[in-house]
């Protein structure tokens, strides 16, 4: 007589669910929190803030628009960039 090992389908899905939970707490959730902090930082950019772009350009904010910033890179050199390209604001 063959032996029947009836495995509950929920038990089979348990390892997959556990892997998803681990991925959520180790990868997805921290990334969402980091993105939320970045958006909060972008909303708080003001005139005369010193910023660094994701491309490594250092400049001082001259004008803030809805989606763009105007940076003063050097004397008489201004550049308009997307707000999303700001990596961080330098602290004084």
PDB file of N, CA and C in Angstrom:
ATOM      1  N   UNK A   1       0.819  -1.170   0.000  1.00  0.00           N
ATOM      2  CA  UNK A   1       0.000   0.000   0.000  1.00  0.00           C
ATOM      3  C   UNK A   1       0.875   1.250   0.000  1.00  0.00           C
ATOM      4  N   UNK A   2       0.611   2.173  -0.925  1.00  0.00           N
ATOM      5  CA  UNK A   2       1.375   3.412  -0.910  1.00  0.00           C
ATOM      6  C   UNK A   2       0.929   4.302   0.246  1.00  0.00           C
ATOM      7  N   UNK A   3       1.896   4.937   0.794  1.00  0.00           N
ATOM      8  CA  UNK A   3       1.634   5.813   1.937  1.00  0.00           C
ATOM      9  C   UNK A   3       1.271   7.202   1.421  1.00  0.00           C
ATOM     10  N   UNK A   4       0.191   7.750   1.922  1.00  0.00           N
ATOM     11  CA  UNK A   4      -0.249   9.063   1.463  1.00  0.00           C
ATOM     12  C   UNK A   4       0.131  10.112   2.499  1.00  0.00           C
ATOM     13  N   UNK A   5       0.873  11.075   2.028  1.00  0.00           N
ATOM     14  CA  UNK A   5       1.253  12.198   2.879  1.00  0.00           C
ATOM     15  C   UNK A   5       0.491  13.419   2.382  1.00  0.00           C
ATOM     16  N   UNK A   6      -0.623  13.662   2.948  1.00  0.00           N
ATOM     17  CA  UNK A   6      -1.431  14.811   2.554  1.00  0.00           C
ATOM     18  C   UNK A   6      -0.883  16.040   3.277  1.00  0.00           C
ATOM     19  N   UNK A   7      -0.350  16.975   2.487  1.00  0.00           N
ATOM     20  CA  UNK A   7       0.211  18.192   3.043  1.00  0.00           C
ATOM     21  C   UNK A   7      -0.798  19.312   2.831  1.00  0.00           C
ATOM     22  N   UNK A   8      -1.058  19.995   3.881  1.00  0.00           N
ATOM     23  CA  UNK A   8      -1.988  21.111   3.835  1.00  0.00           C
ATOM     24  C   UNK A   8      -1.430  22.185   2.886  1.00  0.00           C
ATOM     25  N   UNK A   9      -2.249  22.701   1.944  1.00  0.00           N
ATOM     26  CA  UNK A   9      -1.753  23.720   1.002  1.00  0.00           C
ATOM     27  C   UNK A   9      -1.259  24.990   1.708  1.00  0.00           C
ATOM     28  N   UNK A  10      -1.812  25.314   2.849  1.00  0.00           N
ATOM     29  CA  UNK A  10      -1.374  26.504   3.585  1.00  0.00           C
ATOM     30  C   UNK A  10       0.069  26.319   4.062  1.00  0.00           C
ATOM     31  N   UNK A  11       0.412  25.116   4.451  1.00  0.00           N
ATOM     32  CA  UNK A  11       1.772  24.839   4.911  1.00  0.00           C
ATOM     33  C   UNK A  11       2.758  25.002   3.752  1.00  0.00           C
ATOM     34  N   UNK A  12       2.323  24.658   2.542  1.00  0.00           N
ATOM     35  CA  UNK A  12       3.193  24.810   1.371  1.00  0.00           C
ATOM     36  C   UNK A  12       3.446  26.286   1.041  1.00  0.00           C
ATOM     37  N   UNK A  13       2.466  27.140   1.298  1.00  0.00           N
ATOM     38  CA  UNK A  13       2.612  28.562   0.979  1.00  0.00           C
ATOM     39  C   UNK A  13       3.300  29.341   2.096  1.00  0.00           C
ATOM     40  N   UNK A  14       3.448  28.748   3.255  1.00  0.00           N
ATOM     41  CA  UNK A  14       4.046  29.431   4.388  1.00  0.00           C
ATOM     42  C   UNK A  14       5.476  29.929   4.131  1.00  0.00           C
ATOM     43  N   UNK A  15       6.374  29.121   3.553  1.00  0.00           N
ATOM     44  CA  UNK A  15       7.723  29.639   3.284  1.00  0.00           C
ATOM     45  C   UNK A  15       7.723  30.822   2.307  1.00  0.00           C
ATOM     46  N   UNK A  16       6.852  30.776   1.305  1.00  0.00           N
ATOM     47  CA  UNK A  16       6.764  31.874   0.339  1.00  0.00           C
ATOM     48  C   UNK A  16       6.282  33.159   1.022  1.00  0.00           C
ATOM     49  N   UNK A  17       5.297  33.035   1.889  1.00  0.00           N
ATOM     50  CA  UNK A  17       4.795  34.193   2.620  1.00  0.00           C
ATOM     51  C   UNK A  17       5.869  34.743   3.560  1.00  0.00           C
ATOM     52  N   UNK A  18       6.610  33.865   4.187  1.00  0.00           N
ATOM     53  CA  UNK A  18       7.684  34.290   5.086  1.00  0.00           C
ATOM     54  C   UNK A  18       8.769  35.052   4.319  1.00  0.00           C
ATOM     55  N   UNK A  19       9.120  34.586   3.136  1.00  0.00           N
ATOM     56  CA  UNK A  19      10.114  35.279   2.303  1.00  0.00           C
ATOM     57  C   UNK A  19       9.609  36.672   1.925  1.00  0.00           C
ATOM     58  N   UNK A  20       8.326  36.774   1.571  1.00  0.00           N
ATOM     59  CA  UNK A  20       7.769  38.080   1.215  1.00  0.00           C
ATOM     60  C   UNK A  20       7.827  39.043   2.398  1.00  0.00           C
ATOM     61  N   UNK A  21       7.491  38.567   3.586  1.00  0.00           N
ATOM     62  CA  UNK A  21       7.530  39.414   4.774  1.00  0.00           C
ATOM     63  C   UNK A  21       8.953  39.891   5.045  1.00  0.00           C
ATOM     64  N   UNK A  22       9.923  39.011   4.898  1.00  0.00           N
ATOM     65  CA  UNK A  22      11.322  39.381   5.106  1.00  0.00           C
ATOM     66  C   UNK A  22      11.749  40.436   4.092  1.00  0.00           C
ATOM     67  N   UNK A  23      11.405  40.244   2.807  1.00  0.00           N
ATOM     68  CA  UNK A  23      11.740  41.223   1.777  1.00  0.00           C
ATOM     69  C   UNK A  23      11.080  42.565   2.069  1.00  0.00           C
ATOM     70  N   UNK A  24       9.845  42.536   2.543  1.00  0.00           N
ATOM     71  CA  UNK A  24       9.144  43.790   2.824  1.00  0.00           C
ATOM     72  C   UNK A  24       9.883  44.580   3.895  1.00  0.00           C
ATOM     73  N   UNK A  25      10.242  43.940   5.002  1.00  0.00           N
ATOM     74  CA  UNK A  25      10.869  44.665   6.101  1.00  0.00           C
ATOM     75  C   UNK A  25      12.337  44.995   5.850  1.00  0.00           C
ATOM     76  N   UNK A  26      13.027  44.236   5.014  1.00  0.00           N
ATOM     77  CA  UNK A  26      14.444  44.514   4.764  1.00  0.00           C
ATOM     78  C   UNK A  26      14.689  45.410   3.553  1.00  0.00           C
ATOM     79  N   UNK A  27      13.794  45.384   2.571  1.00  0.00           N
ATOM     80  CA  UNK A  27      14.041  46.138   1.341  1.00  0.00           C
ATOM     81  C   UNK A  27      12.973  47.178   1.021  1.00  0.00           C
ATOM     82  N   UNK A  28      11.730  46.786   0.986  1.00  0.00           N
ATOM     83  CA  UNK A  28      10.675  47.669   0.489  1.00  0.00           C
ATOM     84  C   UNK A  28      10.375  48.799   1.470  1.00  0.00           C
ATOM     85  N   UNK A  29      10.148  48.489   2.724  1.00  0.00           N
ATOM     86  CA  UNK A  29       9.779  49.499   3.720  1.00  0.00           C
ATOM     87  C   UNK A  29      10.870  50.549   3.924  1.00  0.00           C
ATOM     88  N   UNK A  30      12.139  50.154   4.086  1.00  0.00           N
ATOM     89  CA  UNK A  30      13.177  51.193   4.240  1.00  0.00           C
ATOM     90  C   UNK A  30      13.296  52.099   3.014  1.00  0.00           C
ATOM     91  N   UNK A  31      13.108  51.528   1.819  1.00  0.00           N
ATOM     92  CA  UNK A  31      13.194  52.337   0.603  1.00  0.00           C
ATOM     93  C   UNK A  31      12.064  53.362   0.549  1.00  0.00           C
ATOM     94  N   UNK A  32      10.864  52.959   0.946  1.00  0.00           N
ATOM     95  CA  UNK A  32       9.735  53.891   0.962  1.00  0.00           C
ATOM     96  C   UNK A  32       9.956  55.000   1.985  1.00  0.00           C
ATOM     97  N   UNK A  33      10.510  54.660   3.147  1.00  0.00           N
ATOM     98  CA  UNK A  33      10.791  55.680   4.162  1.00  0.00           C
ATOM     99  C   UNK A  33      11.847  56.661   3.675  1.00  0.00           C
ATOM    100  N   UNK A  34      12.864  56.147   2.998  1.00  0.00           N
ATOM    101  CA  UNK A  34      13.913  57.013   2.467  1.00  0.00           C
ATOM    102  C   UNK A  34      13.337  57.958   1.409  1.00  0.00           C
ATOM    103  N   UNK A  35      12.461  57.446   0.553  1.00  0.00           N
ATOM    104  CA  UNK A  35      11.840  58.270  -0.480  1.00  0.00           C
ATOM    105  C   UNK A  35      10.959  59.349   0.149  1.00  0.00           C
ATOM    106  N   UNK A  36      10.241  59.004   1.214  1.00  0.00           N
ATOM    107  CA  UNK A  36       9.381  59.967   1.903  1.00  0.00           C
ATOM    108  C   UNK A  36      10.225  61.085   2.523  1.00  0.00           C
ATOM    109  N   UNK A  37      11.367  60.735   3.128  1.00  0.00           N
ATOM    110  CA  UNK A  37      12.259  61.739   3.711  1.00  0.00           C
ATOM    111  C   UNK A  37      12.837  62.646   2.628  1.00  0.00           C
ATOM    112  N   UNK A  38      13.170  62.069   1.460  1.00  0.00           N
ATOM    113  CA  UNK A  38      13.723  62.857   0.353  1.00  0.00           C
ATOM    114  C   UNK A  38      12.685  63.853  -0.155  1.00  0.00           C
ATOM    115  N   UNK A  39      11.426  63.419  -0.290  1.00  0.00           N
ATOM    116  CA  UNK A  39      10.371  64.322  -0.747  1.00  0.00           C
ATOM    117  C   UNK A  39      10.142  65.446   0.264  1.00  0.00           C
ATOM    118  N   UNK A  40      10.231  65.119   1.548  1.00  0.00           N
ATOM    119  CA  UNK A  40      10.078  66.134   2.595  1.00  0.00           C
ATOM    120  C   UNK A  40      11.218  67.147   2.520  1.00  0.00           C
ATOM    121  N   UNK A  41      12.444  66.665   2.257  1.00  0.00           N
ATOM    122  CA  UNK A  41      13.590  67.551   2.124  1.00  0.00           C
ATOM    123  C   UNK A  41      13.408  68.472   0.912  1.00  0.00           C
ATOM    124  N   UNK A  42      12.924  67.920  -0.204  1.00  0.00           N
ATOM    125  CA  UNK A  42      12.727  68.723  -1.410  1.00  0.00           C
ATOM    126  C   UNK A  42      11.672  69.801  -1.187  1.00  0.00           C
ATOM    127  N   UNK A  43      10.654  69.495  -0.413  1.00  0.00           N
ATOM    128  CA  UNK A  43       9.606  70.478  -0.146  1.00  0.00           C
ATOM    129  C   UNK A  43      10.126  71.614   0.736  1.00  0.00           C
ATOM    130  N   UNK A  44      11.193  71.368   1.498  1.00  0.00           N
ATOM    131  CA  UNK A  44      11.721  72.379   2.398  1.00  0.00           C
ATOM    132  C   UNK A  44      12.881  73.183   1.849  1.00  0.00           C
ATOM    133  N   UNK A  45      13.185  73.045   0.570  1.00  0.00           N
ATOM    134  CA  UNK A  45      14.291  73.816  -0.016  1.00  0.00           C
ATOM    135  C   UNK A  45      13.877  75.279  -0.141  1.00  0.00           C
ATOM    136  N   UNK A  46      14.745  76.149   0.330  1.00  0.00           N
ATOM    137  CA  UNK A  46      14.486  77.592   0.292  1.00  0.00           C
ATOM    138  C   UNK A  46      15.620  78.308  -0.438  1.00  0.00           C
ATOM    139  N   UNK A  47      15.376  79.575  -0.730  1.00  0.00           N
ATOM    140  CA  UNK A  47      16.383  80.418  -1.351  1.00  0.00           C
ATOM    141  C   UNK A  47      17.590  80.517  -0.416  1.00  0.00           C
ATOM    142  N   UNK A  48      18.784  80.559  -0.988  1.00  0.00           N
ATOM    143  CA  UNK A  48      20.080  80.651  -0.305  1.00  0.00           C
ATOM    144  C   UNK A  48      20.525  79.363   0.380  1.00  0.00           C
ATOM    145  N   UNK A  49      19.803  78.250   0.192  1.00  0.00           N
ATOM    146  CA  UNK A  49      20.270  76.951   0.689  1.00  0.00           C
ATOM    147  C   UNK A  49      21.389  76.456  -0.216  1.00  0.00           C
ATOM    148  N   UNK A  50      22.414  75.876   0.386  1.00  0.00           N
ATOM    149  CA  UNK A  50      23.482  75.250  -0.395  1.00  0.00           C
ATOM    150  C   UNK A  50      23.106  73.795  -0.605  1.00  0.00           C
ATOM    151  N   UNK A  51      23.080  73.368  -1.868  1.00  0.00           N
ATOM    152  CA  UNK A  51      22.657  72.008  -2.190  1.00  0.00           C
ATOM    153  C   UNK A  51      23.708  71.304  -3.041  1.00  0.00           C
ATOM    154  N   UNK A  52      23.604  69.990  -3.075  1.00  0.00           N
ATOM    155  CA  UNK A  52      24.433  69.154  -3.937  1.00  0.00           C
ATOM    156  C   UNK A  52      23.479  68.311  -4.766  1.00  0.00           C
ATOM    157  N   UNK A  53      23.685  68.301  -6.085  1.00  0.00           N
ATOM    158  CA  UNK A  53      22.820  67.501  -6.957  1.00  0.00           C
ATOM    159  C   UNK A  53      23.316  66.070  -7.002  1.00  0.00           C
ATOM    160  N   UNK A  54      22.484  65.201  -7.559  1.00  0.00           N
ATOM    161  CA  UNK A  54      22.881  63.801  -7.688  1.00  0.00           C
ATOM    162  C   UNK A  54      24.038  63.646  -8.674  1.00  0.00           C
ATOM    163  N   UNK A  55      24.273  64.652  -9.499  1.00  0.00           N
ATOM    164  CA  UNK A  55      25.404  64.637 -10.413  1.00  0.00           C
ATOM    165  C   UNK A  55      26.677  65.192  -9.800  1.00  0.00           C
ATOM    166  N   UNK A  56      26.592  65.676  -8.560  1.00  0.00           N
ATOM    167  CA  UNK A  56      27.768  66.174  -7.859  1.00  0.00           C
ATOM    168  C   UNK A  56      28.000  67.660  -7.992  1.00  0.00           C
ATOM    169  N   UNK A  57      27.034  68.385  -8.531  1.00  0.00           N
ATOM    170  CA  UNK A  57      27.185  69.828  -8.698  1.00  0.00           C
ATOM    171  C   UNK A  57      26.793  70.527  -7.401  1.00  0.00           C
ATOM    172  N   UNK A  58      27.672  71.397  -6.910  1.00  0.00           N
ATOM    173  CA  UNK A  58      27.419  72.176  -5.702  1.00  0.00           C
ATOM    174  C   UNK A  58      26.956  73.561  -6.121  1.00  0.00           C
ATOM    175  N   UNK A  59      25.916  74.067  -5.470  1.00  0.00           N
ATOM    176  CA  UNK A  59      25.436  75.394  -5.811  1.00  0.00           C
ATOM    177  C   UNK A  59      24.548  75.960  -4.732  1.00  0.00           C
ATOM    178  N   UNK A  60      24.193  77.221  -4.905  1.00  0.00           N
ATOM    179  CA  UNK A  60      23.321  77.935  -3.974  1.00  0.00           C
ATOM    180  C   UNK A  60      22.004  78.198  -4.697  1.00  0.00           C
ATOM    181  N   UNK A  61      20.893  77.923  -4.025  1.00  0.00           N
ATOM    182  CA  UNK A  61      19.573  78.110  -4.623  1.00  0.00           C
ATOM    183  C   UNK A  61      19.294  79.607  -4.747  1.00  0.00           C
ATOM    184  N   UNK A  62      18.971  80.022  -5.976  1.00  0.00           N
ATOM    185  CA  UNK A  62      18.660  81.417  -6.252  1.00  0.00           C
ATOM    186  C   UNK A  62      17.153  81.603  -6.381  1.00  0.00           C
ATOM    187  N   UNK A  63      16.479  80.617  -6.969  1.00  0.00           N
ATOM    188  CA  UNK A  63      15.041  80.717  -7.214  1.00  0.00           C
ATOM    189  C   UNK A  63      14.435  79.320  -7.078  1.00  0.00           C
ATOM    190  N   UNK A  64      13.269  79.250  -6.439  1.00  0.00           N
ATOM    191  CA  UNK A  64      12.563  77.984  -6.270  1.00  0.00           C
ATOM    192  C   UNK A  64      11.247  78.068  -7.021  1.00  0.00           C
ATOM    193  N   UNK A  65      11.036  77.138  -7.943  1.00  0.00           N
ATOM    194  CA  UNK A  65       9.760  77.039  -8.651  1.00  0.00           C
ATOM    195  C   UNK A  65       9.087  75.742  -8.220  1.00  0.00           C
ATOM    196  N   UNK A  66       7.954  75.445  -8.841  1.00  0.00           N
ATOM    197  CA  UNK A  66       7.204  74.257  -8.439  1.00  0.00           C
ATOM    198  C   UNK A  66       7.998  72.971  -8.652  1.00  0.00           C
ATOM    199  N   UNK A  67       8.602  72.823  -9.832  1.00  0.00           N
ATOM    200  CA  UNK A  67       9.322  71.587 -10.139  1.00  0.00           C
ATOM    201  C   UNK A  67      10.808  71.791 -10.397  1.00  0.00           C
ATOM    202  N   UNK A  68      11.259  73.034 -10.455  1.00  0.00           N
ATOM    203  CA  UNK A  68      12.662  73.289 -10.766  1.00  0.00           C
ATOM    204  C   UNK A  68      13.271  74.266  -9.764  1.00  0.00           C
ATOM    205  N   UNK A  69      14.591  74.291  -9.779  1.00  0.00           N
ATOM    206  CA  UNK A  69      15.376  75.224  -8.965  1.00  0.00           C
ATOM    207  C   UNK A  69      16.365  75.927  -9.878  1.00  0.00           C
ATOM    208  N   UNK A  70      16.706  77.152  -9.547  1.00  0.00           N
ATOM    209  CA  UNK A  70      17.795  77.826 -10.224  1.00  0.00           C
ATOM    210  C   UNK A  70      18.944  77.893  -9.233  1.00  0.00           C
ATOM    211  N   UNK A  71      20.089  77.330  -9.643  1.00  0.00           N
ATOM    212  CA  UNK A  71      21.276  77.301  -8.793  1.00  0.00           C
ATOM    213  C   UNK A  71      22.311  78.281  -9.306  1.00  0.00           C
ATOM    214  N   UNK A  72      22.999  78.932  -8.377  1.00  0.00           N
ATOM    215  CA  UNK A  72      24.162  79.733  -8.740  1.00  0.00           C
ATOM    216  C   UNK A  72      25.371  78.846  -8.479  1.00  0.00           C
ATOM    217  N   UNK A  73      26.063  78.514  -9.561  1.00  0.00           N
ATOM    218  CA  UNK A  73      27.205  77.617  -9.481  1.00  0.00           C
ATOM    219  C   UNK A  73      28.480  78.411  -9.206  1.00  0.00           C
ATOM    220  N   UNK A  74      28.608  79.549  -9.871  1.00  0.00           N
ATOM    221  CA  UNK A  74      29.764  80.426  -9.724  1.00  0.00           C
ATOM    222  C   UNK A  74      29.276  81.839 -10.020  1.00  0.00           C
ATOM    223  N   UNK A  75      30.151  82.802  -9.942  1.00  0.00           N
ATOM    224  CA  UNK A  75      29.760  84.170 -10.258  1.00  0.00           C
ATOM    225  C   UNK A  75      29.247  84.213 -11.702  1.00  0.00           C
ATOM    226  N   UNK A  76      28.054  84.777 -11.892  1.00  0.00           N
ATOM    227  CA  UNK A  76      27.418  84.917 -13.204  1.00  0.00           C
ATOM    228  C   UNK A  76      27.163  83.588 -13.905  1.00  0.00           C
ATOM    229  N   UNK A  77      27.114  82.482 -13.175  1.00  0.00           N
ATOM    230  CA  UNK A  77      26.790  81.191 -13.763  1.00  0.00           C
ATOM    231  C   UNK A  77      25.595  80.617 -13.008  1.00  0.00           C
ATOM    232  N   UNK A  78      24.469  80.532 -13.712  1.00  0.00           N
ATOM    233  CA  UNK A  78      23.259  79.991 -13.108  1.00  0.00           C
ATOM    234  C   UNK A  78      22.794  78.805 -13.939  1.00  0.00           C
ATOM    235  N   UNK A  79      22.101  77.899 -13.264  1.00  0.00           N
ATOM    236  CA  UNK A  79      21.689  76.667 -13.907  1.00  0.00           C
ATOM    237  C   UNK A  79      20.319  76.279 -13.365  1.00  0.00           C
ATOM    238  N   UNK A  80      19.406  75.902 -14.241  1.00  0.00           N
ATOM    239  CA  UNK A  80      18.090  75.463 -13.797  1.00  0.00           C
ATOM    240  C   UNK A  80      18.060  73.939 -13.805  1.00  0.00           C
ATOM    241  N   UNK A  81      17.664  73.358 -12.679  1.00  0.00           N
ATOM    242  CA  UNK A  81      17.645  71.899 -12.552  1.00  0.00           C
ATOM    243  C   UNK A  81      16.291  71.445 -12.011  1.00  0.00           C
ATOM    244  N   UNK A  82      16.000  70.161 -12.169  1.00  0.00           N
ATOM    245  CA  UNK A  82      14.808  69.564 -11.573  1.00  0.00           C
ATOM    246  C   UNK A  82      15.018  69.426 -10.072  1.00  0.00           C
ATOM    247  N   UNK A  83      13.975  69.627  -9.302  1.00  0.00           N
ATOM    248  CA  UNK A  83      14.082  69.472  -7.848  1.00  0.00           C
ATOM    249  C   UNK A  83      14.501  68.057  -7.472  1.00  0.00           C
ATOM    250  N   UNK A  84      14.003  67.066  -8.200  1.00  0.00           N
ATOM    251  CA  UNK A  84      14.297  65.666  -7.867  1.00  0.00           C
ATOM    252  C   UNK A  84      15.773  65.328  -7.974  1.00  0.00           C
ATOM    253  N   UNK A  85      16.544  66.153  -8.678  1.00  0.00           N
ATOM    254  CA  UNK A  85      17.964  65.840  -8.832  1.00  0.00           C
ATOM    255  C   UNK A  85      18.807  66.328  -7.664  1.00  0.00           C
ATOM    256  N   UNK A  86      18.191  66.977  -6.677  1.00  0.00           N
ATOM    257  CA  UNK A  86      18.937  67.413  -5.486  1.00  0.00           C
ATOM    258  C   UNK A  86      19.148  66.202  -4.592  1.00  0.00           C
ATOM    259  N   UNK A  87      20.421  65.917  -4.303  1.00  0.00           N
ATOM    260  CA  UNK A  87      20.746  64.770  -3.445  1.00  0.00           C
ATOM    261  C   UNK A  87      20.590  65.135  -1.981  1.00  0.00           C
ATOM    262  N   UNK A  88      21.137  66.282  -1.586  1.00  0.00           N
ATOM    263  CA  UNK A  88      20.998  66.711  -0.197  1.00  0.00           C
ATOM    264  C   UNK A  88      21.289  68.194  -0.070  1.00  0.00           C
ATOM    265  N   UNK A  89      20.867  68.739   1.068  1.00  0.00           N
ATOM    266  CA  UNK A  89      21.125  70.132   1.402  1.00  0.00           C
ATOM    267  C   UNK A  89      22.298  70.155   2.351  1.00  0.00           C
ATOM    268  N   UNK A  90      23.299  70.984   2.030  1.00  0.00           N
ATOM    269  CA  UNK A  90      24.463  71.104   2.920  1.00  0.00           C
ATOM    270  C   UNK A  90      24.047  71.816   4.195  1.00  0.00           C
ATOM    271  N   UNK A  91      24.524  71.335   5.307  1.00  0.00           N
ATOM    272  CA  UNK A  91      24.244  71.992   6.581  1.00  0.00           C
ATOM    273  C   UNK A  91      25.343  73.002   6.865  1.00  0.00           C
ATOM    274  N   UNK A  92      24.998  74.205   7.378  1.00  0.00           N
ATOM    275  CA  UNK A  92      26.003  75.228   7.636  1.00  0.00           C
ATOM    276  C   UNK A  92      26.930  74.825   8.774  1.00  0.00           C
TER     277      UNK A  92
END
